PDB file of all heavy atoms in Angstrom:
ATOM      1  N   LEU A   1     -17.831  -2.061 -13.794  1.00  0.00           N
ATOM      2  CA  LEU A   1     -17.522  -0.890 -12.949  1.00  0.00           C
ATOM      3  C   LEU A   1     -17.057  -1.342 -11.571  1.00  0.00           C
ATOM      4  O   LEU A   1     -16.048  -0.821 -11.049  1.00  0.00           O
ATOM      5  CB  LEU A   1     -18.790  -0.026 -12.819  1.00  0.00           C
ATOM      6  CG  LEU A   1     -18.719   1.164 -11.886  1.00  0.00           C
ATOM      7  CD1 LEU A   1     -17.655   2.169 -12.357  1.00  0.00           C
ATOM      8  CD2 LEU A   1     -20.070   1.861 -11.704  1.00  0.00           C
ATOM      9  N   ILE A   2     -17.747  -2.301 -10.996  1.00  0.00           N
ATOM     10  CA  ILE A   2     -17.354  -2.775  -9.646  1.00  0.00           C
ATOM     11  C   ILE A   2     -15.975  -3.416  -9.700  1.00  0.00           C
ATOM     12  O   ILE A   2     -15.118  -3.178  -8.823  1.00  0.00           O
ATOM     13  CB  ILE A   2     -18.418  -3.764  -9.113  1.00  0.00           C
ATOM     14  CG1 ILE A   2     -19.754  -3.042  -8.873  1.00  0.00           C
ATOM     15  CG2 ILE A   2     -17.947  -4.426  -7.847  1.00  0.00           C
ATOM     16  CD1 ILE A   2     -20.866  -3.961  -8.522  1.00  0.00           C
ATOM     17  N   ASP A   3     -15.706  -4.185 -10.755  1.00  0.00           N
ATOM     18  CA  ASP A   3     -14.400  -4.826 -10.861  1.00  0.00           C
ATOM     19  C   ASP A   3     -13.297  -3.764 -11.036  1.00  0.00           C
ATOM     20  O   ASP A   3     -12.209  -3.914 -10.444  1.00  0.00           O
ATOM     21  CB  ASP A   3     -14.406  -5.777 -12.072  1.00  0.00           C
ATOM     22  CG  ASP A   3     -15.290  -6.982 -11.861  1.00  0.00           C
ATOM     23  OD1 ASP A   3     -15.606  -7.270 -10.695  1.00  0.00           O
ATOM     24  OD2 ASP A   3     -15.674  -7.628 -12.857  1.00  0.00           O
ATOM     25  N   THR A   4     -13.598  -2.753 -11.811  1.00  0.00           N
ATOM     26  CA  THR A   4     -12.574  -1.693 -11.983  1.00  0.00           C
ATOM     27  C   THR A   4     -12.271  -1.003 -10.683  1.00  0.00           C
ATOM     28  O   THR A   4     -11.075  -0.743 -10.353  1.00  0.00           O
ATOM     29  CB  THR A   4     -13.110  -0.673 -13.038  1.00  0.00           C
ATOM     30  OG1 THR A   4     -13.326  -1.351 -14.266  1.00  0.00           O
ATOM     31  CG2 THR A   4     -12.060   0.424 -13.245  1.00  0.00           C
ATOM     32  N   ILE A   5     -13.330  -0.648  -9.932  1.00  0.00           N
ATOM     33  CA  ILE A   5     -13.119   0.049  -8.650  1.00  0.00           C
ATOM     34  C   ILE A   5     -12.393  -0.846  -7.667  1.00  0.00           C
ATOM     35  O   ILE A   5     -11.469  -0.414  -6.954  1.00  0.00           O
ATOM     36  CB  ILE A   5     -14.477   0.496  -8.106  1.00  0.00           C
ATOM     37  CG1 ILE A   5     -15.098   1.575  -9.031  1.00  0.00           C
ATOM     38  CG2 ILE A   5     -14.339   1.056  -6.694  1.00  0.00           C
ATOM     39  CD1 ILE A   5     -16.496   2.004  -8.630  1.00  0.00           C
ATOM     40  N   LYS A   6     -12.783  -2.129  -7.625  1.00  0.00           N
ATOM     41  CA  LYS A   6     -12.111  -3.071  -6.684  1.00  0.00           C
ATOM     42  C   LYS A   6     -10.646  -3.253  -7.083  1.00  0.00           C
ATOM     43  O   LYS A   6      -9.761  -3.387  -6.233  1.00  0.00           O
ATOM     44  CB  LYS A   6     -12.844  -4.410  -6.715  1.00  0.00           C
ATOM     45  CG  LYS A   6     -14.163  -4.375  -5.992  1.00  0.00           C
ATOM     46  CD  LYS A   6     -14.820  -5.758  -5.951  1.00  0.00           C
ATOM     47  CE  LYS A   6     -16.106  -5.761  -5.156  1.00  0.00           C
ATOM     48  NZ  LYS A   6     -16.726  -7.113  -5.093  1.00  0.00           N
ATOM     49  N   GLU A   7     -10.392  -3.292  -8.403  1.00  0.00           N
ATOM     50  CA  GLU A   7      -9.001  -3.443  -8.864  1.00  0.00           C
ATOM     51  C   GLU A   7      -8.169  -2.240  -8.429  1.00  0.00           C
ATOM     52  O   GLU A   7      -7.017  -2.388  -7.988  1.00  0.00           O
ATOM     53  CB  GLU A   7      -8.976  -3.593 -10.382  1.00  0.00           C
ATOM     54  CG  GLU A   7      -7.649  -3.982 -10.945  1.00  0.00           C
ATOM     55  CD  GLU A   7      -7.173  -5.349 -10.505  1.00  0.00           C
ATOM     56  OE1 GLU A   7      -8.044  -6.222 -10.208  1.00  0.00           O
ATOM     57  OE2 GLU A   7      -5.949  -5.573 -10.424  1.00  0.00           O
ATOM     58  N   LYS A   8      -8.756  -1.036  -8.580  1.00  0.00           N
ATOM     59  CA  LYS A   8      -8.035   0.150  -8.107  1.00  0.00           C
ATOM     60  C   LYS A   8      -7.792   0.097  -6.592  1.00  0.00           C
ATOM     61  O   LYS A   8      -6.727   0.505  -6.089  1.00  0.00           O
ATOM     62  CB  LYS A   8      -8.839   1.411  -8.458  1.00  0.00           C
ATOM     63  CG  LYS A   8      -8.772   1.801  -9.934  1.00  0.00           C
ATOM     64  CD  LYS A   8      -9.371   3.154 -10.141  1.00  0.00           C
ATOM     65  CE  LYS A   8      -9.179   3.614 -11.600  1.00  0.00           C
ATOM     66  NZ  LYS A   8      -9.728   4.968 -11.798  1.00  0.00           N
ATOM     67  N   GLN A   9      -8.795  -0.389  -5.884  1.00  0.00           N
ATOM     68  CA  GLN A   9      -8.652  -0.481  -4.432  1.00  0.00           C
ATOM     69  C   GLN A   9      -7.546  -1.475  -4.054  1.00  0.00           C
ATOM     70  O   GLN A   9      -6.734  -1.217  -3.122  1.00  0.00           O
ATOM     71  CB  GLN A   9      -9.991  -0.909  -3.806  1.00  0.00           C
ATOM     72  CG  GLN A   9      -9.944  -1.091  -2.303  1.00  0.00           C
ATOM     73  CD  GLN A   9      -9.636   0.190  -1.555  1.00  0.00           C
ATOM     74  OE1 GLN A   9      -9.813   1.286  -2.117  1.00  0.00           O
ATOM     75  NE2 GLN A   9      -9.151   0.071  -0.323  1.00  0.00           N
ATOM     76  N   LYS A  10      -7.473  -2.597  -4.751  1.00  0.00           N
ATOM     77  CA  LYS A  10      -6.425  -3.556  -4.475  1.00  0.00           C
ATOM     78  C   LYS A  10      -5.026  -2.952  -4.762  1.00  0.00           C
ATOM     79  O   LYS A  10      -4.068  -3.159  -4.000  1.00  0.00           O
ATOM     80  CB  LYS A  10      -6.633  -4.803  -5.330  1.00  0.00           C
ATOM     81  CG  LYS A  10      -7.794  -5.657  -4.883  1.00  0.00           C
ATOM     82  CD  LYS A  10      -7.934  -6.885  -5.756  1.00  0.00           C
ATOM     83  CE  LYS A  10      -9.108  -7.750  -5.305  1.00  0.00           C
ATOM     84  NZ  LYS A  10      -9.271  -8.948  -6.178  1.00  0.00           N
ATOM     85  N   THR A  11      -4.965  -2.221  -5.875  1.00  0.00           N
ATOM     86  CA  THR A  11      -3.683  -1.565  -6.224  1.00  0.00           C
ATOM     87  C   THR A  11      -3.306  -0.562  -5.136  1.00  0.00           C
ATOM     88  O   THR A  11      -2.126  -0.471  -4.755  1.00  0.00           O
ATOM     89  CB  THR A  11      -3.805  -0.865  -7.585  1.00  0.00           C
ATOM     90  OG1 THR A  11      -4.185  -1.825  -8.572  1.00  0.00           O
ATOM     91  CG2 THR A  11      -2.506  -0.211  -7.960  1.00  0.00           C
ATOM     92  N   THR A  12      -4.322   0.175  -4.656  1.00  0.00           N
ATOM     93  CA  THR A  12      -4.048   1.184  -3.585  1.00  0.00           C
ATOM     94  C   THR A  12      -3.575   0.475  -2.328  1.00  0.00           C
ATOM     95  O   THR A  12      -2.639   0.920  -1.633  1.00  0.00           O
ATOM     96  CB  THR A  12      -5.324   1.989  -3.322  1.00  0.00           C
ATOM     97  OG1 THR A  12      -5.725   2.637  -4.522  1.00  0.00           O
ATOM     98  CG2 THR A  12      -5.061   2.994  -2.241  1.00  0.00           C
ATOM     99  N   GLU A  13      -4.213  -0.656  -2.006  1.00  0.00           N
ATOM    100  CA  GLU A  13      -3.811  -1.378  -0.786  1.00  0.00           C
ATOM    101  C   GLU A  13      -2.379  -1.903  -0.889  1.00  0.00           C
ATOM    102  O   GLU A  13      -1.593  -1.843   0.073  1.00  0.00           O
ATOM    103  CB  GLU A  13      -4.807  -2.532  -0.532  1.00  0.00           C
ATOM    104  CG  GLU A  13      -6.198  -2.065  -0.122  1.00  0.00           C
ATOM    105  CD  GLU A  13      -7.168  -3.210   0.018  1.00  0.00           C
ATOM    106  OE1 GLU A  13      -6.772  -4.359  -0.292  1.00  0.00           O
ATOM    107  OE2 GLU A  13      -8.319  -2.989   0.409  1.00  0.00           O
ATOM    108  N   LYS A  14      -2.026  -2.444  -2.049  1.00  0.00           N
ATOM    109  CA  LYS A  14      -0.657  -2.945  -2.220  1.00  0.00           C
ATOM    110  C   LYS A  14       0.365  -1.806  -2.087  1.00  0.00           C
ATOM    111  O   LYS A  14       1.433  -1.954  -1.502  1.00  0.00           O
ATOM    112  CB  LYS A  14      -0.529  -3.594  -3.590  1.00  0.00           C
ATOM    113  CG  LYS A  14      -1.282  -4.947  -3.690  1.00  0.00           C
ATOM    114  CD  LYS A  14      -1.095  -5.568  -5.073  1.00  0.00           C
ATOM    115  CE  LYS A  14      -1.834  -6.881  -5.179  1.00  0.00           C
ATOM    116  NZ  LYS A  14      -1.675  -7.516  -6.502  1.00  0.00           N
ATOM    117  N   GLN A  15       0.005  -0.668  -2.726  1.00  0.00           N
ATOM    118  CA  GLN A  15       0.909   0.469  -2.653  1.00  0.00           C
ATOM    119  C   GLN A  15       1.049   0.955  -1.210  1.00  0.00           C
ATOM    120  O   GLN A  15       2.163   1.284  -0.740  1.00  0.00           O
ATOM    121  CB  GLN A  15       0.375   1.595  -3.535  1.00  0.00           C
ATOM    122  CG  GLN A  15       1.302   2.791  -3.670  1.00  0.00           C
ATOM    123  CD  GLN A  15       0.735   3.872  -4.561  1.00  0.00           C
ATOM    124  OE1 GLN A  15      -0.452   3.907  -4.787  1.00  0.00           O
ATOM    125  NE2 GLN A  15       1.593   4.740  -5.054  1.00  0.00           N
ATOM    126  N   ALA A  16      -0.047   0.936  -0.487  1.00  0.00           N
ATOM    127  CA  ALA A  16      -0.005   1.366   0.927  1.00  0.00           C
ATOM    128  C   ALA A  16       0.834   0.425   1.772  1.00  0.00           C
ATOM    129  O   ALA A  16       1.610   0.858   2.656  1.00  0.00           O
ATOM    130  CB  ALA A  16      -1.414   1.476   1.476  1.00  0.00           C
ATOM    131  N   GLU A  17       0.697  -0.858   1.525  1.00  0.00           N
ATOM    132  CA  GLU A  17       1.505  -1.847   2.262  1.00  0.00           C
ATOM    133  C   GLU A  17       3.005  -1.638   2.038  1.00  0.00           C
ATOM    134  O   GLU A  17       3.816  -1.721   2.939  1.00  0.00           O
ATOM    135  CB  GLU A  17       1.095  -3.261   1.835  1.00  0.00           C
ATOM    136  CG  GLU A  17      -0.300  -3.649   2.328  1.00  0.00           C
ATOM    137  CD  GLU A  17      -0.707  -5.022   1.823  1.00  0.00           C
ATOM    138  OE1 GLU A  17       0.092  -5.621   1.050  1.00  0.00           O
ATOM    139  OE2 GLU A  17      -1.796  -5.503   2.174  1.00  0.00           O
ATOM    140  N   ALA A  18       3.368  -1.313   0.759  1.00  0.00           N
ATOM    141  CA  ALA A  18       4.772  -1.057   0.450  1.00  0.00           C
ATOM    142  C   ALA A  18       5.273   0.188   1.163  1.00  0.00           C
ATOM    143  O   ALA A  18       6.387   0.197   1.722  1.00  0.00           O
ATOM    144  CB  ALA A  18       4.916  -0.923  -1.076  1.00  0.00           C
ATOM    145  N   PHE A  19       4.433   1.228   1.166  1.00  0.00           N
ATOM    146  CA  PHE A  19       4.826   2.470   1.866  1.00  0.00           C
ATOM    147  C   PHE A  19       4.977   2.211   3.356  1.00  0.00           C
ATOM    148  O   PHE A  19       5.928   2.663   4.020  1.00  0.00           O
ATOM    149  CB  PHE A  19       3.779   3.548   1.635  1.00  0.00           C
ATOM    150  CG  PHE A  19       3.842   4.146   0.244  1.00  0.00           C
ATOM    151  CD1 PHE A  19       2.719   4.743  -0.333  1.00  0.00           C
ATOM    152  CD2 PHE A  19       5.012   4.075  -0.495  1.00  0.00           C
ATOM    153  CE1 PHE A  19       2.777   5.289  -1.606  1.00  0.00           C
ATOM    154  CE2 PHE A  19       5.070   4.625  -1.795  1.00  0.00           C
ATOM    155  CZ  PHE A  19       3.931   5.213  -2.324  1.00  0.00           C
ATOM    156  N   ILE A  20       4.024   1.458   3.912  1.00  0.00           N
ATOM    157  CA  ILE A  20       4.068   1.190   5.365  1.00  0.00           C
ATOM    158  C   ILE A  20       5.331   0.394   5.711  1.00  0.00           C
ATOM    159  O   ILE A  20       5.993   0.653   6.723  1.00  0.00           O
ATOM    160  CB  ILE A  20       2.803   0.444   5.796  1.00  0.00           C
ATOM    161  CG1 ILE A  20       1.592   1.394   5.705  1.00  0.00           C
ATOM    162  CG2 ILE A  20       2.933  -0.093   7.232  1.00  0.00           C
ATOM    163  CD1 ILE A  20       0.265   0.697   5.910  1.00  0.00           C
ATOM    164  N   LYS A  21       5.642  -0.589   4.883  1.00  0.00           N
ATOM    165  CA  LYS A  21       6.827  -1.420   5.126  1.00  0.00           C
ATOM    166  C   LYS A  21       8.103  -0.557   5.111  1.00  0.00           C
ATOM    167  O   LYS A  21       8.989  -0.690   5.939  1.00  0.00           O
ATOM    168  CB  LYS A  21       6.891  -2.520   4.071  1.00  0.00           C
ATOM    169  CG  LYS A  21       8.018  -3.475   4.305  1.00  0.00           C
ATOM    170  CD  LYS A  21       7.987  -4.604   3.289  1.00  0.00           C
ATOM    171  CE  LYS A  21       9.132  -5.590   3.523  1.00  0.00           C
ATOM    172  NZ  LYS A  21       9.157  -6.689   2.531  1.00  0.00           N
ATOM    173  N   GLU A  22       8.140   0.352   4.082  1.00  0.00           N
ATOM    174  CA  GLU A  22       9.300   1.232   3.962  1.00  0.00           C
ATOM    175  C   GLU A  22       9.391   2.195   5.136  1.00  0.00           C
ATOM    176  O   GLU A  22      10.504   2.463   5.688  1.00  0.00           O
ATOM    177  CB  GLU A  22       9.213   1.961   2.635  1.00  0.00           C
ATOM    178  CG  GLU A  22      10.466   2.799   2.325  1.00  0.00           C
ATOM    179  CD  GLU A  22      10.366   3.454   0.982  1.00  0.00           C
ATOM    180  OE1 GLU A  22       9.383   3.174   0.233  1.00  0.00           O
ATOM    181  OE2 GLU A  22      11.273   4.252   0.642  1.00  0.00           O
ATOM    182  N   LEU A  23       8.205   2.686   5.574  1.00  0.00           N
ATOM    183  CA  LEU A  23       8.191   3.615   6.701  1.00  0.00           C
ATOM    184  C   LEU A  23       8.613   2.894   8.004  1.00  0.00           C
ATOM    185  O   LEU A  23       9.341   3.447   8.838  1.00  0.00           O
ATOM    186  CB  LEU A  23       6.800   4.213   6.857  1.00  0.00           C
ATOM    187  CG  LEU A  23       6.412   5.284   5.841  1.00  0.00           C
ATOM    188  CD1 LEU A  23       4.919   5.596   5.919  1.00  0.00           C
ATOM    189  CD2 LEU A  23       7.242   6.564   6.041  1.00  0.00           C
ATOM    190  N   GLU A  24       8.144   1.688   8.175  1.00  0.00           N
ATOM    191  CA  GLU A  24       8.526   0.937   9.385  1.00  0.00           C
ATOM    192  C   GLU A  24      10.044   0.676   9.400  1.00  0.00           C
ATOM    193  O   GLU A  24      10.673   0.690  10.485  1.00  0.00           O
ATOM    194  CB  GLU A  24       7.753  -0.385   9.433  1.00  0.00           C
ATOM    195  CG  GLU A  24       6.284  -0.186   9.765  1.00  0.00           C
ATOM    196  CD  GLU A  24       5.516  -1.510   9.740  1.00  0.00           C
ATOM    197  OE1 GLU A  24       6.095  -2.498   9.237  1.00  0.00           O
ATOM    198  OE2 GLU A  24       4.346  -1.535  10.200  1.00  0.00           O
ATOM    199  N   GLN A  25      10.574   0.437   8.232  1.00  0.00           N
ATOM    200  CA  GLN A  25      12.043   0.195   8.147  1.00  0.00           C
ATOM    201  C   GLN A  25      12.813   1.468   8.533  1.00  0.00           C
ATOM    202  O   GLN A  25      13.818   1.427   9.273  1.00  0.00           O
ATOM    203  CB  GLN A  25      12.419  -0.272   6.752  1.00  0.00           C
ATOM    204  CG  GLN A  25      13.890  -0.621   6.612  1.00  0.00           C
ATOM    205  CD  GLN A  25      14.205  -1.152   5.233  1.00  0.00           C
ATOM    206  OE1 GLN A  25      13.345  -1.288   4.383  1.00  0.00           O
ATOM    207  NE2 GLN A  25      15.495  -1.466   4.991  1.00  0.00           N
ATOM    208  N   GLU A  26      12.294   2.615   8.023  1.00  0.00           N
ATOM    209  CA  GLU A  26      12.951   3.871   8.359  1.00  0.00           C
ATOM    210  C   GLU A  26      12.792   4.180   9.849  1.00  0.00           C
ATOM    211  O   GLU A  26      13.707   4.718  10.499  1.00  0.00           O
ATOM    212  CB  GLU A  26      12.375   5.008   7.496  1.00  0.00           C
ATOM    213  CG  GLU A  26      12.805   4.959   6.041  1.00  0.00           C
ATOM    214  CD  GLU A  26      12.391   6.165   5.274  1.00  0.00           C
ATOM    215  OE1 GLU A  26      11.799   7.077   5.930  1.00  0.00           O
ATOM    216  OE2 GLU A  26      12.672   6.261   4.074  1.00  0.00           O
ATOM    217  N   ILE A  27      11.617   3.851  10.391  1.00  0.00           N
ATOM    218  CA  ILE A  27      11.393   4.075  11.831  1.00  0.00           C
ATOM    219  C   ILE A  27      12.406   3.248  12.658  1.00  0.00           C
ATOM    220  O   ILE A  27      12.970   3.704  13.669  1.00  0.00           O
ATOM    221  CB  ILE A  27       9.934   3.732  12.206  1.00  0.00           C
ATOM    222  CG1 ILE A  27       8.988   4.760  11.606  1.00  0.00           C
ATOM    223  CG2 ILE A  27       9.787   3.669  13.730  1.00  0.00           C
ATOM    224  CD1 ILE A  27       7.521   4.439  11.785  1.00  0.00           C
ATOM    225  N   SER A  28      12.651   2.012  12.204  1.00  0.00           N
ATOM    226  CA  SER A  28      13.603   1.150  12.954  1.00  0.00           C
ATOM    227  C   SER A  28      14.999   1.754  12.911  1.00  0.00           C
ATOM    228  O   SER A  28      15.717   1.781  13.936  1.00  0.00           O
ATOM    229  CB  SER A  28      13.572  -0.226  12.314  1.00  0.00           C
ATOM    230  OG  SER A  28      14.523  -1.085  12.942  1.00  0.00           O
ATOM    231  N   GLU A  29      15.377   2.229  11.735  1.00  0.00           N
ATOM    232  CA  GLU A  29      16.722   2.824  11.619  1.00  0.00           C
ATOM    233  C   GLU A  29      16.798   4.113  12.448  1.00  0.00           C
ATOM    234  O   GLU A  29      17.821   4.357  13.106  1.00  0.00           O
ATOM    235  CB  GLU A  29      17.015   3.124  10.138  1.00  0.00           C
ATOM    236  CG  GLU A  29      17.151   1.856   9.304  1.00  0.00           C
ATOM    237  CD  GLU A  29      17.414   2.163   7.848  1.00  0.00           C
ATOM    238  OE1 GLU A  29      17.394   3.388   7.512  1.00  0.00           O
ATOM    239  OE2 GLU A  29      17.612   1.228   7.049  1.00  0.00           O
ATOM    240  N   LEU A  30      15.775   4.951  12.385  1.00  0.00           N
ATOM    241  CA  LEU A  30      15.762   6.170  13.165  1.00  0.00           C
ATOM    242  C   LEU A  30      15.807   5.888  14.655  1.00  0.00           C
ATOM    243  O   LEU A  30      16.430   6.629  15.469  1.00  0.00           O
ATOM    244  CB  LEU A  30      14.546   7.024  12.774  1.00  0.00           C
ATOM    245  CG  LEU A  30      14.571   7.625  11.370  1.00  0.00           C
ATOM    246  CD1 LEU A  30      13.244   8.332  11.050  1.00  0.00           C
ATOM    247  CD2 LEU A  30      15.719   8.648  11.228  1.00  0.00           C
TER     248      LEU A  30
END
């Protein structure tokens, strides 16, 4: 259970990092 939850958390963190990177790129262009 702990491994499953941590794995989901890691996936969420990676997804958030990708969104943040994309948002920062759009902020630079804007």
